[in-house]
Amino acid sequence: MESNRVAVISAVLDDPVKCQVEFNKVVSQSKDIVRGRMGIPFLEEGISVVCLTVMGTMDEINSLTGKLGSIDSVNVKTAISKKEVL
């Protein structure tokens, strides 16, 4: 059995009106590993920043990161703990 890790997935939505529906759909499909979510809209700039705290296997974390990163107008970076958790 693969061990879990804690990670933070940070996403910048350059055009939230265009991509937020698909972004939210992808996040909801991974609701089992999402532990927290914070979103900050920059209304005047037309940009949104979303940070997800997740706990899952490396495959689950990488899959979610890849799916989010493949959405047009979404830029994603992930920081993953080195410590394995239960």
Protein backbone atom coordinates (compact mmCIF):
# COMPACT_ATOMS: atom_id res chain seq x y z
CA MET A 1 0.00 0.00 0.00
CA GLU A 2 1.36 3.40 -0.99
CA SER A 3 1.70 5.91 1.84
CA ASN A 4 0.03 9.30 1.94
CA ARG A 5 1.67 12.70 1.92
CA VAL A 6 0.45 16.20 2.64
CA ALA A 7 0.75 18.73 -0.16
CA VAL A 8 -0.25 22.25 -1.08
CA ILE A 9 -1.45 22.84 -4.63
CA SER A 10 -1.35 26.51 -5.59
CA ALA A 11 -3.16 27.68 -8.69
CA VAL A 12 -3.38 31.04 -10.42
CA LEU A 13 -6.43 31.41 -12.64
CA ASP A 14 -5.51 34.05 -15.22
CA ASP A 15 -9.06 34.18 -16.56
CA PRO A 16 -11.36 32.91 -13.79
CA VAL A 17 -14.58 33.57 -15.69
CA LYS A 18 -13.33 31.30 -18.48
CA CYS A 19 -11.93 28.45 -16.39
CA GLN A 20 -13.49 28.39 -12.91
CA VAL A 21 -16.31 25.98 -13.78
CA GLU A 22 -13.89 23.36 -15.12
CA PHE A 23 -11.44 24.04 -12.25
CA ASN A 24 -14.16 23.48 -9.63
CA LYS A 25 -15.34 20.33 -11.42
CA VAL A 26 -11.84 18.82 -11.31
CA VAL A 27 -11.40 19.73 -7.63
CA SER A 28 -14.77 18.22 -6.71
CA GLN A 29 -13.80 14.97 -8.46
CA SER A 30 -10.87 14.74 -6.02
CA LYS A 31 -12.85 15.70 -2.91
CA ASP A 32 -11.60 12.59 -1.09
CA ILE A 33 -8.07 14.00 -0.84
CA VAL A 34 -8.88 17.72 -0.45
CA ARG A 35 -8.61 18.82 3.19
CA GLY A 36 -8.81 22.57 2.76
CA ARG A 37 -9.30 25.28 0.18
CA MET A 38 -8.66 29.00 0.15
CA GLY A 39 -9.50 31.27 -2.75
CA ILE A 40 -8.62 34.91 -3.17
CA PRO A 41 -10.13 36.90 -6.05
CA PHE A 42 -8.21 39.85 -7.45
CA LEU A 43 -11.25 41.49 -9.03
CA GLU A 44 -9.56 44.55 -10.53
CA GLU A 45 -6.82 42.41 -12.06
CA GLY A 46 -9.20 39.70 -13.30
CA ILE A 47 -7.18 36.95 -11.60
CA SER A 48 -7.96 34.44 -8.85
CA VAL A 49 -5.58 32.51 -6.61
CA VAL A 50 -6.62 29.16 -5.13
CA CYS A 51 -4.64 27.08 -2.63
CA LEU A 52 -5.63 23.50 -1.93
CA THR A 53 -4.31 21.47 0.99
CA VAL A 54 -4.48 17.78 0.11
CA MET A 55 -3.52 14.46 1.64
CA GLY A 56 -3.17 11.46 -0.61
CA THR A 57 -0.81 9.16 -2.43
CA MET A 58 1.75 10.60 -4.82
CA ASP A 59 -0.32 9.27 -7.71
CA GLU A 60 -3.46 11.05 -6.46
CA ILE A 61 -1.63 14.33 -5.83
CA ASN A 62 0.15 14.24 -9.18
CA SER A 63 -3.06 13.33 -10.99
CA LEU A 64 -4.94 16.28 -9.50
CA THR A 65 -2.04 18.64 -10.22
CA GLY A 66 -1.85 17.43 -13.81
CA LYS A 67 -5.57 17.77 -14.42
CA LEU A 68 -5.64 21.30 -12.99
CA GLY A 69 -2.54 22.29 -14.94
CA SER A 70 -4.07 21.11 -18.21
CA ILE A 71 -6.93 23.61 -17.91
CA ASP A 72 -6.43 26.63 -20.16
CA SER A 73 -5.60 29.82 -18.18
CA VAL A 74 -4.59 27.86 -15.03
CA ASN A 75 -0.99 27.80 -13.74
CA VAL A 76 -0.22 25.26 -11.01
CA LYS A 77 2.64 24.54 -8.61
CA THR A 78 2.70 21.87 -5.92
CA ALA A 79 4.75 21.52 -2.73
CA ILE A 80 4.76 18.00 -1.28
CA SER A 81 5.88 16.96 2.20
CA LYS A 82 8.78 14.55 2.46
CA LYS A 83 7.19 12.95 5.50
CA GLU A 84 4.87 10.01 4.94
CA VAL A 85 1.61 10.04 6.91
CA LEU A 86 -1.09 7.50 7.64
